[in-house]
Amino acid sequence: MTIAFNQIPVNFRVPGQYVEFDNSQANGSDGTVPQKILLIGQMLAAGTGTPNVATLVSSADEVALLAGRGSMLHLMAKKLFLANGFTPTYILAQADAGGSTKSSRAVIFSGTATAGGELALYIGDARYAVPVPTATTAAQLATLAAAAITADAESYVDAAVDGVVPARVNLTARHGGIDAGRIECTHSRYDGERLPTGISVVIAALVEGAGNPTLTAAIAGLGENWYPTIVMPYTDAASLTALEAELADRFGPVRQIEGYAHVGRSADQATLQALAAGRNSPHESIIDCLDLLTPAWAVAASVAAVDAGEPDPARPRQTLTLPGVVAKIETGRRTKQVRNQLLNAGVSTVLVDAGGLVHIERLTTTYRLNSYGLPDDSYFDTESLHLLANLRFTLRSRFAAKYPRHKLGKDGSEGPNVMTPGTARAELISLYRDWMSRGWVEGGTAFEQFKTDLRVEIDADDPNRLNAIVPPDLINQLRVVAAQIQFRR
């Protein structure tokens, strides 16, 4: 067969030794989808960054400069970089929406300390240890607590003593909107922590803010840049719908720049299941954060960082630790039965171990119904979406690298740089073997079935187009081990 050169002319007559390079055999399916994380969140007025422009960052301190120290975006970045400092990360900063209101709650003290002690106050997962000398009054303690929070430049909230009730501390979210101010508040989390004798504390219910930033300009600003992992801090229907529509379009066969979003929400079971029931998207996970003190949007950043840091798209994320994410006390945590119901409803779950560390239990999409409204579990787990993205990426890479400028002929055609359906079929079978070696697809009879079901043909109406049906059998994840011990006596 004639050797075809890409750069050396066939009619070149000058004596010498001429060597060109061809990288078509050096790439193939060896790579995976190049990971990037997009972190969406709100910025403070002190931030120097430009809203709605994706910006590459390398540390939480850099985010503090761009978005403001103590901003939602900065505090999300702290959790993200704690879990994964290697994956390229971009921030998409958003200013508070015009007319938005901020969440607030009150901490009301009463009594007088009859003995010295310490108040362990938790705002989110931030712990404030406030020394309480003997004879400290409720009003004095309120001043001490507010000062401790205010001294923390990275506090989740702003704190101030109430102007009318001196024993009351008002906590106000740093950002306007629904989700930014959903911050837990408690005290005495660990064994040995207790209120000083004579002091009582009442933590009022959260008064939620309103008005999340819209995503229209942010999504438009992404253009055709590829962000496989996205952290989404908002849970209102308008924001989720906008992002889902964009991700569905990116996942399609034309753009092929799929992305997967992680969303956190702390709420009771009914609220979470209703939230998931209104979504039905294979491109996002909604994480149950009720058992956690860490704000839900910061949990989502940690989950996304851990998910993106796993090099094998098919390997289950279960048991992976979320560093820096803090759980509530053990009393009242989700039972296994409730977590199972949440998973079936399309809500991802976390698990707190005996030492208080928080782990991913299972990441699931919200997709549960097909276009006819019938149950469909084809996209139940996030790993399926990651795996499909990598199968497509490696298929595209293989053909783009090895057959960039080929002619298309019917089977039996010969000559240099000629692709035929038979050649493509052999290449796809070889690619499937590579997928098997990576543990991405089933082998054995599944491989034989793949070869049987594989179809490659030239389009009947366009002789320049090669069509293929590629039917891989995706590998599954070991989730449950069930055994029956039939003992004898």
Protein backbone atom coordinates (compact mmCIF):
# COMPACT_ATOMS: atom_id res chain seq x y z
CA MET A 1 0.00 0.00 0.00
CA THR A 2 1.25 3.47 -0.87
CA ILE A 3 2.58 5.45 2.08
CA ALA A 4 0.81 8.80 2.32
CA PHE A 5 2.79 11.72 3.73
CA ASN A 6 1.15 14.78 5.22
CA GLN A 7 3.94 17.33 4.69
CA ILE A 8 6.67 15.85 2.48
CA PRO A 9 5.77 16.58 -1.17
CA VAL A 10 5.65 13.59 -3.51
CA ASN A 11 7.57 15.49 -6.20
CA PHE A 12 10.38 16.75 -3.94
CA ARG A 13 13.71 16.10 -5.72
CA VAL A 14 16.36 17.73 -3.51
CA PRO A 15 18.64 15.06 -2.03
CA GLY A 16 18.57 14.65 1.76
CA GLN A 17 16.80 12.95 4.62
CA TYR A 18 13.39 14.37 5.45
CA VAL A 19 11.32 13.18 8.41
CA GLU A 20 7.89 14.43 9.35
CA PHE A 21 5.93 13.71 12.51
CA ASP A 22 2.46 12.19 12.72
CA ASN A 23 0.75 12.14 16.13
CA SER A 24 -2.36 10.30 14.95
CA GLN A 25 -1.36 7.11 16.77
CA ALA A 26 -0.17 8.82 19.94
CA ASN A 27 -3.47 9.91 21.43
CA GLY A 28 -6.51 7.73 20.83
CA SER A 29 -8.59 6.96 23.91
CA ASP A 30 -5.90 7.42 26.54
CA GLY A 31 -7.38 10.59 28.02
CA THR A 32 -10.49 11.48 29.96
CA VAL A 33 -12.63 14.58 29.91
CA PRO A 34 -10.35 17.48 31.00
CA GLN A 35 -11.79 18.48 34.34
CA LYS A 36 -12.60 22.06 35.29
CA ILE A 37 -14.77 23.36 38.12
CA LEU A 38 -17.04 26.40 37.78
CA LEU A 39 -17.95 27.96 41.12
CA ILE A 40 -21.00 30.23 40.97
CA GLY A 41 -21.70 32.51 43.93
CA GLN A 42 -22.31 36.01 45.23
CA MET A 43 -19.65 38.65 45.76
CA LEU A 44 -19.46 41.59 48.16
CA ALA A 45 -19.09 45.20 47.04
CA ALA A 46 -15.47 45.09 48.25
CA GLY A 47 -14.62 42.45 45.64
CA THR A 48 -12.44 43.56 42.75
CA GLY A 49 -13.66 40.96 40.27
CA THR A 50 -16.03 41.52 37.37
CA PRO A 51 -19.51 40.01 37.79
CA ASN A 52 -20.66 37.31 35.37
CA VAL A 53 -17.19 36.71 33.93
CA ALA A 54 -15.62 33.31 34.52
CA THR A 55 -12.20 33.87 36.11
CA LEU A 56 -9.48 31.29 36.74
CA VAL A 57 -8.36 31.19 40.39
CA SER A 58 -5.77 29.19 42.26
CA SER A 59 -6.60 29.74 45.93
CA ALA A 60 -9.30 30.83 48.35
CA ASP A 61 -7.28 33.94 49.16
CA GLU A 62 -7.41 34.95 45.51
CA VAL A 63 -11.18 34.51 45.60
CA ALA A 64 -11.28 36.67 48.74
CA LEU A 65 -9.67 39.48 46.74
CA LEU A 66 -11.94 39.08 43.73
CA ALA A 67 -15.22 38.46 45.55
CA GLY A 68 -14.60 40.01 48.96
CA ARG A 69 -13.37 38.29 52.11
CA GLY A 70 -16.27 36.58 53.82
CA SER A 71 -18.43 36.60 50.71
CA MET A 72 -20.48 33.57 49.75
CA LEU A 73 -18.08 32.88 46.90
CA HIS A 74 -15.01 33.14 49.10
CA LEU A 75 -16.44 30.81 51.75
CA MET A 76 -17.43 28.30 49.06
CA ALA A 77 -13.91 28.46 47.65
CA LYS A 78 -12.43 27.70 51.08
CA LYS A 79 -14.29 24.39 51.18
CA LEU A 80 -13.53 23.63 47.55
CA PHE A 81 -9.76 24.16 47.77
CA LEU A 82 -9.62 22.26 51.05
CA ALA A 83 -10.98 19.22 49.19
CA ASN A 84 -9.27 19.67 45.81
CA GLY A 85 -6.44 22.06 45.06
CA PHE A 86 -5.42 20.49 41.76
CA THR A 87 -8.40 20.75 39.42
CA PRO A 88 -8.50 24.05 37.47
CA THR A 89 -11.17 26.20 39.10
CA TYR A 90 -13.06 29.20 37.77
CA ILE A 91 -15.34 31.52 39.70
CA LEU A 92 -18.41 33.22 38.31
CA ALA A 93 -19.12 36.09 40.69
CA GLN A 94 -22.57 37.64 40.97
CA ALA A 95 -23.63 40.83 42.69
CA ASP A 96 -26.69 40.77 44.93
CA ALA A 97 -29.90 41.21 42.99
CA GLY A 98 -31.38 44.68 43.08
CA GLY A 99 -34.18 44.86 45.64
CA SER A 100 -33.15 41.63 47.36
CA THR A 101 -33.53 41.29 51.12
CA LYS A 102 -31.19 39.60 53.57
CA SER A 103 -31.99 36.70 55.88
CA SER A 104 -31.83 37.35 59.60
CA ARG A 105 -32.28 35.73 62.97
CA ALA A 106 -31.83 36.68 66.60
CA VAL A 107 -29.94 35.12 69.51
CA ILE A 108 -31.50 36.16 72.82
CA PHE A 109 -29.65 35.72 76.10
CA SER A 110 -31.14 35.75 79.59
CA GLY A 111 -29.95 35.37 83.17
CA THR A 112 -26.64 36.13 84.88
CA ALA A 113 -23.64 33.79 85.06
CA THR A 114 -23.31 32.44 88.58
CA ALA A 115 -20.01 30.80 87.72
CA GLY A 116 -17.37 31.38 85.10
CA GLY A 117 -17.60 29.42 81.88
CA GLU A 118 -17.54 29.64 78.12
CA LEU A 119 -20.22 30.06 75.48
CA ALA A 120 -19.55 27.86 72.43
CA LEU A 121 -21.64 29.55 69.74
CA TYR A 122 -21.82 28.12 66.22
CA ILE A 123 -22.72 30.23 63.20
CA GLY A 124 -22.77 27.74 60.39
CA ASP A 125 -19.71 25.59 61.02
CA ALA A 126 -17.75 28.50 62.53
CA ARG A 127 -17.19 28.16 66.27
CA TYR A 128 -17.00 31.21 68.51
CA ALA A 129 -15.67 30.52 72.00
CA VAL A 130 -16.81 33.41 74.19
CA PRO A 131 -15.34 33.55 77.73
CA VAL A 132 -18.04 34.28 80.31
CA PRO A 133 -16.74 35.53 83.69
CA THR A 134 -18.80 35.14 86.85
CA ALA A 135 -21.59 37.73 87.18
CA THR A 136 -21.75 38.39 83.42
CA THR A 137 -25.24 39.63 82.61
CA ALA A 138 -27.26 38.66 79.54
CA ALA A 139 -26.69 42.10 78.01
CA GLN A 140 -22.95 41.88 78.59
CA LEU A 141 -22.84 38.43 77.05
CA ALA A 142 -24.71 39.70 73.99
CA THR A 143 -22.04 42.39 73.56
CA LEU A 144 -19.26 39.81 73.92
CA ALA A 145 -20.86 37.41 71.43
CA ALA A 146 -21.49 40.12 68.84
CA ALA A 147 -17.89 41.33 69.19
CA ALA A 148 -16.51 37.82 68.68
CA ILE A 149 -18.48 37.36 65.45
CA THR A 150 -17.64 40.84 64.19
CA ALA A 151 -13.94 40.25 64.77
CA ASP A 152 -14.07 37.36 62.29
CA ALA A 153 -13.63 38.81 58.80
CA GLU A 154 -14.80 35.53 57.33
CA SER A 155 -17.96 35.12 59.37
CA TYR A 156 -21.03 33.89 57.53
CA VAL A 157 -23.08 36.75 59.01
CA ASP A 158 -22.88 40.28 60.36
CA ALA A 159 -23.71 40.62 64.06
CA ALA A 160 -24.94 43.55 66.12
CA VAL A 161 -26.54 44.05 69.52
CA ASP A 162 -30.16 45.05 69.18
CA GLY A 163 -30.76 48.75 69.77
CA VAL A 164 -33.87 48.13 71.88
CA VAL A 165 -33.23 44.79 73.60
CA PRO A 166 -29.61 44.82 74.88
CA ALA A 167 -29.59 41.06 75.55
CA ARG A 168 -30.39 40.30 71.91
CA VAL A 169 -27.88 39.82 69.08
CA ASN A 170 -29.18 40.29 65.55
CA LEU A 171 -27.51 38.16 62.90
CA THR A 172 -27.85 39.31 59.30
CA ALA A 173 -26.67 37.51 56.17
CA ARG A 174 -23.91 39.19 54.24
CA HIS A 175 -25.83 38.81 50.99
CA GLY A 176 -29.37 39.34 49.87
CA GLY A 177 -31.33 36.43 48.47
CA ILE A 178 -33.04 33.21 49.42
CA ASP A 179 -30.11 30.82 49.70
CA ALA A 180 -27.18 33.00 50.79
CA GLY A 181 -28.62 33.54 54.27
CA ARG A 182 -29.65 29.99 55.07
CA ILE A 183 -27.12 29.67 57.89
CA GLU A 184 -27.51 27.34 60.87
CA CYS A 185 -27.05 28.71 64.38
CA THR A 186 -26.61 26.63 67.53
CA HIS A 187 -24.48 26.29 70.62
CA SER A 188 -22.73 23.62 72.68
CA ARG A 189 -22.13 21.11 69.89
CA TYR A 190 -19.35 18.96 71.37
CA ASP A 191 -19.28 16.89 74.55
CA GLY A 192 -18.16 19.09 77.39
CA GLU A 193 -19.59 22.26 75.88
CA ARG A 194 -22.40 23.70 77.95
CA LEU A 195 -23.88 27.07 78.75
CA PRO A 196 -22.43 28.84 81.77
CA THR A 197 -24.47 28.28 84.89
CA GLY A 198 -27.27 30.84 85.13
CA ILE A 199 -27.29 31.67 81.39
CA SER A 200 -30.02 30.68 78.97
CA VAL A 201 -30.10 31.14 75.19
CA VAL A 202 -32.98 31.22 72.75
CA ILE A 203 -32.16 31.10 69.03
CA ALA A 204 -35.03 32.50 67.01
CA ALA A 205 -36.22 30.99 63.76
CA LEU A 206 -34.58 32.21 60.57
CA VAL A 207 -36.36 34.96 58.69
CA GLU A 208 -35.45 34.15 55.10
CA GLY A 209 -34.38 36.75 52.59
CA ALA A 210 -35.65 37.04 49.05
CA GLY A 211 -34.35 37.71 45.56
CA ASN A 212 -31.56 35.46 44.27
CA PRO A 213 -29.42 36.85 41.44
CA THR A 214 -30.60 35.79 37.99
CA LEU A 215 -28.40 33.51 35.90
CA THR A 216 -29.21 34.93 32.46
CA ALA A 217 -26.10 37.08 32.10
CA ALA A 218 -23.92 34.52 33.86
CA ILE A 219 -24.91 31.70 31.50
CA ALA A 220 -24.51 33.91 28.46
CA GLY A 221 -21.01 34.81 29.64
CA LEU A 222 -19.90 31.19 29.65
CA GLY A 223 -20.04 31.01 25.87
CA GLU A 224 -18.71 27.72 24.52
CA ASN A 225 -16.20 27.18 27.31
CA TRP A 226 -16.36 23.70 28.79
CA TYR A 227 -17.00 23.31 32.54
CA PRO A 228 -17.60 19.63 33.35
CA THR A 229 -18.28 20.32 37.07
CA ILE A 230 -20.42 23.22 38.28
CA VAL A 231 -21.31 24.39 41.79
CA MET A 232 -24.78 25.91 41.92
CA PRO A 233 -25.68 27.84 45.12
CA TYR A 234 -29.29 28.68 44.30
CA THR A 235 -32.31 26.44 44.74
CA ASP A 236 -35.14 28.66 43.48
CA ALA A 237 -37.07 27.24 40.54
CA ALA A 238 -36.09 30.00 38.11
CA SER A 239 -32.35 29.51 38.70
CA LEU A 240 -32.53 25.72 38.55
CA THR A 241 -34.63 25.78 35.39
CA ALA A 242 -32.24 28.16 33.65
CA LEU A 243 -29.19 26.07 34.50
CA GLU A 244 -30.89 22.78 33.62
CA ALA A 245 -31.83 24.12 30.19
CA GLU A 246 -28.26 25.23 29.54
CA LEU A 247 -26.81 21.91 30.71
CA ALA A 248 -29.26 19.92 28.58
CA ASP A 249 -28.19 21.95 25.55
CA ARG A 250 -24.51 21.49 26.36
CA PHE A 251 -25.04 17.73 26.75
CA GLY A 252 -26.56 17.48 23.27
CA PRO A 253 -24.80 16.16 20.15
CA VAL A 254 -24.06 19.56 18.68
CA ARG A 255 -22.31 21.41 21.50
CA GLN A 256 -20.91 18.32 23.33
CA ILE A 257 -19.53 20.34 26.25
CA GLU A 258 -21.50 18.62 28.97
CA GLY A 259 -21.50 19.86 32.54
CA TYR A 260 -22.83 18.48 35.80
CA ALA A 261 -24.09 20.70 38.64
CA HIS A 262 -24.08 20.09 42.38
CA VAL A 263 -26.69 21.88 44.51
CA GLY A 264 -27.07 21.80 48.29
CA ARG A 265 -30.24 22.25 50.33
CA SER A 266 -30.98 21.94 54.03
CA ALA A 267 -34.68 21.26 54.59
CA ASP A 268 -37.09 18.69 55.97
CA GLN A 269 -37.80 15.54 54.01
CA ALA A 270 -41.05 16.72 52.46
CA THR A 271 -39.51 19.98 51.23
CA LEU A 272 -36.52 18.20 49.71
CA GLN A 273 -38.63 15.58 47.97
CA ALA A 274 -40.90 18.28 46.58
CA LEU A 275 -37.85 20.19 45.33
CA ALA A 276 -36.49 17.10 43.56
CA ALA A 277 -39.90 16.18 42.16
CA GLY A 278 -40.06 19.53 40.40
CA ARG A 279 -36.72 19.04 38.63
CA ASN A 280 -36.25 15.70 36.76
CA SER A 281 -32.85 16.58 35.28
CA PRO A 282 -29.99 14.12 34.62
CA HIS A 283 -27.49 16.97 34.86
CA GLU A 284 -27.64 17.88 38.55
CA SER A 285 -27.60 16.46 42.04
CA ILE A 286 -29.44 18.01 44.98
CA ILE A 287 -27.58 17.18 48.19
CA ASP A 288 -29.41 16.72 51.49
CA CYS A 289 -27.65 18.99 54.02
CA LEU A 290 -30.07 18.87 56.94
CA ASP A 291 -27.61 16.98 59.18
CA LEU A 292 -24.87 19.57 58.60
CA LEU A 293 -23.89 22.90 60.13
CA THR A 294 -21.92 23.91 57.05
CA PRO A 295 -24.11 26.03 54.74
CA ALA A 296 -25.62 24.00 51.90
CA TRP A 297 -23.90 26.03 49.17
CA ALA A 298 -20.52 25.41 50.81
CA VAL A 299 -21.33 21.70 51.06
CA ALA A 300 -22.10 21.69 47.33
CA ALA A 301 -18.66 23.19 46.68
CA SER A 302 -17.01 20.45 48.72
CA VAL A 303 -18.96 17.68 46.99
CA ALA A 304 -18.13 19.11 43.57
CA ALA A 305 -14.43 19.30 44.44
CA VAL A 306 -14.36 15.69 45.63
CA ASP A 307 -16.38 14.51 42.63
CA ALA A 308 -14.11 16.29 40.14
CA GLY A 309 -11.02 14.98 41.89
CA GLU A 310 -11.91 11.32 41.29
CA PRO A 311 -9.92 10.25 38.19
CA ASP A 312 -12.17 7.29 37.33
CA PRO A 313 -15.58 8.48 36.06
CA ALA A 314 -17.18 5.09 36.72
CA ARG A 315 -15.98 4.58 40.27
CA PRO A 316 -18.65 5.28 42.91
CA ARG A 317 -18.09 8.33 45.07
CA GLN A 318 -19.58 6.71 48.15
CA THR A 319 -17.49 6.96 51.37
CA LEU A 320 -15.35 9.84 50.06
CA THR A 321 -14.79 12.40 52.84
CA LEU A 322 -15.88 16.02 52.62
CA PRO A 323 -13.07 17.85 54.46
CA GLY A 324 -14.10 20.87 56.47
CA VAL A 325 -17.80 20.03 56.35
CA VAL A 326 -19.19 19.91 59.90
CA ALA A 327 -22.17 17.86 61.08
CA LYS A 328 -24.77 18.68 63.70
CA ILE A 329 -24.92 16.70 66.90
CA GLU A 330 -25.99 13.09 66.49
CA THR A 331 -29.48 13.51 67.90
CA GLY A 332 -32.08 13.76 65.16
CA ARG A 333 -29.93 12.87 62.16
CA ARG A 334 -31.52 11.22 59.13
CA THR A 335 -32.32 7.54 59.56
CA LYS A 336 -31.34 4.98 56.95
CA GLN A 337 -35.01 4.62 56.00
CA VAL A 338 -35.37 8.36 55.36
CA ARG A 339 -32.14 8.50 53.37
CA ASN A 340 -33.38 5.64 51.21
CA GLN A 341 -36.61 7.51 50.54
CA LEU A 342 -34.67 10.63 49.62
CA LEU A 343 -32.47 8.71 47.18
CA ASN A 344 -35.48 7.17 45.51
CA ALA A 345 -36.97 10.66 45.20
CA GLY A 346 -33.84 12.03 43.51
CA VAL A 347 -32.00 13.58 46.46
CA SER A 348 -28.32 12.79 47.09
CA THR A 349 -27.31 11.84 50.62
CA VAL A 350 -24.35 12.18 52.95
CA LEU A 351 -23.39 10.09 55.96
CA VAL A 352 -21.77 11.14 59.25
CA ASP A 353 -19.45 8.56 60.79
CA ALA A 354 -18.86 7.84 64.48
CA GLY A 355 -16.05 10.38 64.58
CA GLY A 356 -18.17 13.15 63.12
CA LEU A 357 -16.58 13.12 59.66
CA VAL A 358 -18.97 13.71 56.77
CA HIS A 359 -18.87 11.39 53.75
CA ILE A 360 -20.71 11.12 50.47
CA GLU A 361 -23.21 8.29 50.74
CA ARG A 362 -24.61 8.32 47.20
CA LEU A 363 -24.83 10.95 44.48
CA THR A 364 -27.93 10.72 42.36
CA THR A 365 -29.50 12.88 39.69
CA THR A 366 -33.04 14.24 39.92
CA TYR A 367 -34.05 12.39 36.73
CA ARG A 368 -36.80 9.88 37.51
CA LEU A 369 -39.39 10.10 34.69
CA ASN A 370 -39.05 9.77 30.91
CA SER A 371 -40.79 12.01 28.38
CA TYR A 372 -43.99 9.99 28.80
CA GLY A 373 -44.02 10.49 32.56
CA LEU A 374 -43.10 6.86 33.25
CA PRO A 375 -40.45 5.76 35.78
CA ASP A 376 -36.96 5.67 34.26
CA ASP A 377 -33.77 4.90 36.21
CA SER A 378 -31.34 5.12 33.27
CA TYR A 379 -29.74 8.26 34.73
CA PHE A 380 -30.17 7.40 38.40
CA ASP A 381 -26.54 7.86 39.43
CA THR A 382 -24.21 10.73 38.63
CA GLU A 383 -21.49 8.25 37.66
CA SER A 384 -23.57 7.25 34.62
CA LEU A 385 -23.43 10.83 33.33
CA HIS A 386 -19.70 11.09 33.99
CA LEU A 387 -19.12 7.79 32.23
CA LEU A 388 -21.18 8.70 29.18
CA ALA A 389 -19.30 11.98 28.89
CA ASN A 390 -15.99 10.13 28.87
CA LEU A 391 -17.14 7.49 26.39
CA ARG A 392 -18.14 10.23 23.97
CA PHE A 393 -14.94 12.16 24.59
CA THR A 394 -12.69 9.18 23.93
CA LEU A 395 -14.66 8.19 20.81
CA ARG A 396 -14.37 11.70 19.42
CA SER A 397 -10.68 11.87 20.35
CA ARG A 398 -9.92 8.54 18.70
CA PHE A 399 -11.47 9.42 15.35
CA ALA A 400 -10.29 13.04 15.36
CA ALA A 401 -6.71 11.98 16.06
CA LYS A 402 -6.44 8.97 13.73
CA TYR A 403 -8.70 9.99 10.86
CA PRO A 404 -8.61 13.79 10.59
CA ARG A 405 -8.52 14.11 6.77
CA HIS A 406 -9.71 10.81 5.39
CA LYS A 407 -11.76 9.91 2.39
CA LEU A 408 -14.91 7.85 2.85
CA GLY A 409 -15.45 4.80 0.70
CA LYS A 410 -17.64 1.74 0.68
CA ASP A 411 -16.32 -1.54 2.08
CA GLY A 412 -13.75 -2.94 -0.33
CA SER A 413 -12.35 0.48 -1.20
CA GLU A 414 -8.55 0.74 -0.98
CA GLY A 415 -5.80 3.30 -1.01
CA PRO A 416 -4.21 5.74 1.42
CA ASN A 417 -6.33 7.69 3.87
CA VAL A 418 -9.53 5.86 3.03
CA MET A 419 -12.11 5.19 5.75
CA THR A 420 -14.72 2.51 5.19
CA PRO A 421 -17.55 1.23 7.39
CA GLY A 422 -15.47 -1.87 8.03
CA THR A 423 -12.48 0.20 9.14
CA ALA A 424 -14.68 2.24 11.46
CA ARG A 425 -16.26 -0.90 12.86
CA ALA A 426 -12.85 -2.39 13.66
CA GLU A 427 -11.80 0.89 15.30
CA LEU A 428 -14.92 0.98 17.48
CA ILE A 429 -14.38 -2.61 18.57
CA SER A 430 -10.80 -1.73 19.46
CA LEU A 431 -12.09 1.29 21.38
CA TYR A 432 -14.51 -0.92 23.30
CA ARG A 433 -11.57 -3.10 24.33
CA ASP A 434 -9.85 0.01 25.64
CA TRP A 435 -13.00 0.91 27.57
CA MET A 436 -13.03 -2.58 29.06
CA SER A 437 -9.39 -2.25 30.14
CA ARG A 438 -10.30 0.96 31.97
CA GLY A 439 -13.24 -0.71 33.73
CA TRP A 440 -15.81 1.49 32.01
CA VAL A 441 -17.87 -1.16 30.20
CA GLU A 442 -18.85 -4.77 30.71
CA GLY A 443 -16.83 -7.58 29.14
CA GLY A 444 -17.56 -11.25 28.36
CA THR A 445 -20.95 -11.78 26.77
CA ALA A 446 -21.53 -8.01 26.82
CA PHE A 447 -18.56 -7.56 24.50
CA GLU A 448 -19.92 -10.19 22.13
CA GLN A 449 -23.32 -8.48 22.22
CA PHE A 450 -21.63 -5.15 21.51
CA LYS A 451 -20.09 -6.58 18.35
CA THR A 452 -23.44 -8.06 17.32
CA ASP A 453 -25.38 -4.84 17.86
CA LEU A 454 -22.72 -2.46 16.50
CA ARG A 455 -23.83 -0.89 13.21
CA VAL A 456 -21.70 1.28 10.94
CA GLU A 457 -22.89 2.50 7.54
CA ILE A 458 -22.61 5.32 5.06
CA ASP A 459 -25.60 7.62 5.14
CA ALA A 460 -28.08 6.81 2.38
CA ASP A 461 -28.60 10.48 1.52
CA ASP A 462 -25.14 11.89 2.18
CA PRO A 463 -22.17 9.85 0.88
CA ASN A 464 -19.79 12.01 2.91
CA ARG A 465 -21.34 11.00 6.23
CA LEU A 466 -20.62 7.88 8.27
CA ASN A 467 -23.35 6.79 10.72
CA ALA A 468 -22.90 4.40 13.64
CA ILE A 469 -24.92 2.88 16.43
CA VAL A 470 -22.49 2.24 19.28
CA PRO A 471 -24.14 0.13 22.06
CA PRO A 472 -21.79 -0.04 25.09
CA ASP A 473 -22.94 -1.87 28.22
CA LEU A 474 -21.87 0.50 31.00
CA ILE A 475 -20.11 -0.90 34.03
CA ASN A 476 -22.11 -0.67 37.25
CA GLN A 477 -21.10 0.28 40.79
CA LEU A 478 -20.96 -1.99 43.82
CA ARG A 479 -23.59 -0.35 46.01
CA VAL A 480 -25.20 -3.13 48.01
CA VAL A 481 -23.93 -6.52 49.16
CA ALA A 482 -26.81 -8.80 50.18
CA ALA A 483 -26.24 -12.21 51.73
CA GLN A 484 -28.31 -14.78 53.52
CA ILE A 485 -26.51 -16.84 56.14
CA GLN A 486 -28.18 -20.25 56.22
CA PHE A 487 -26.75 -21.64 59.39
CA ARG A 488 -26.83 -25.27 60.51
CA ARG A 489 -27.02 -26.88 63.95
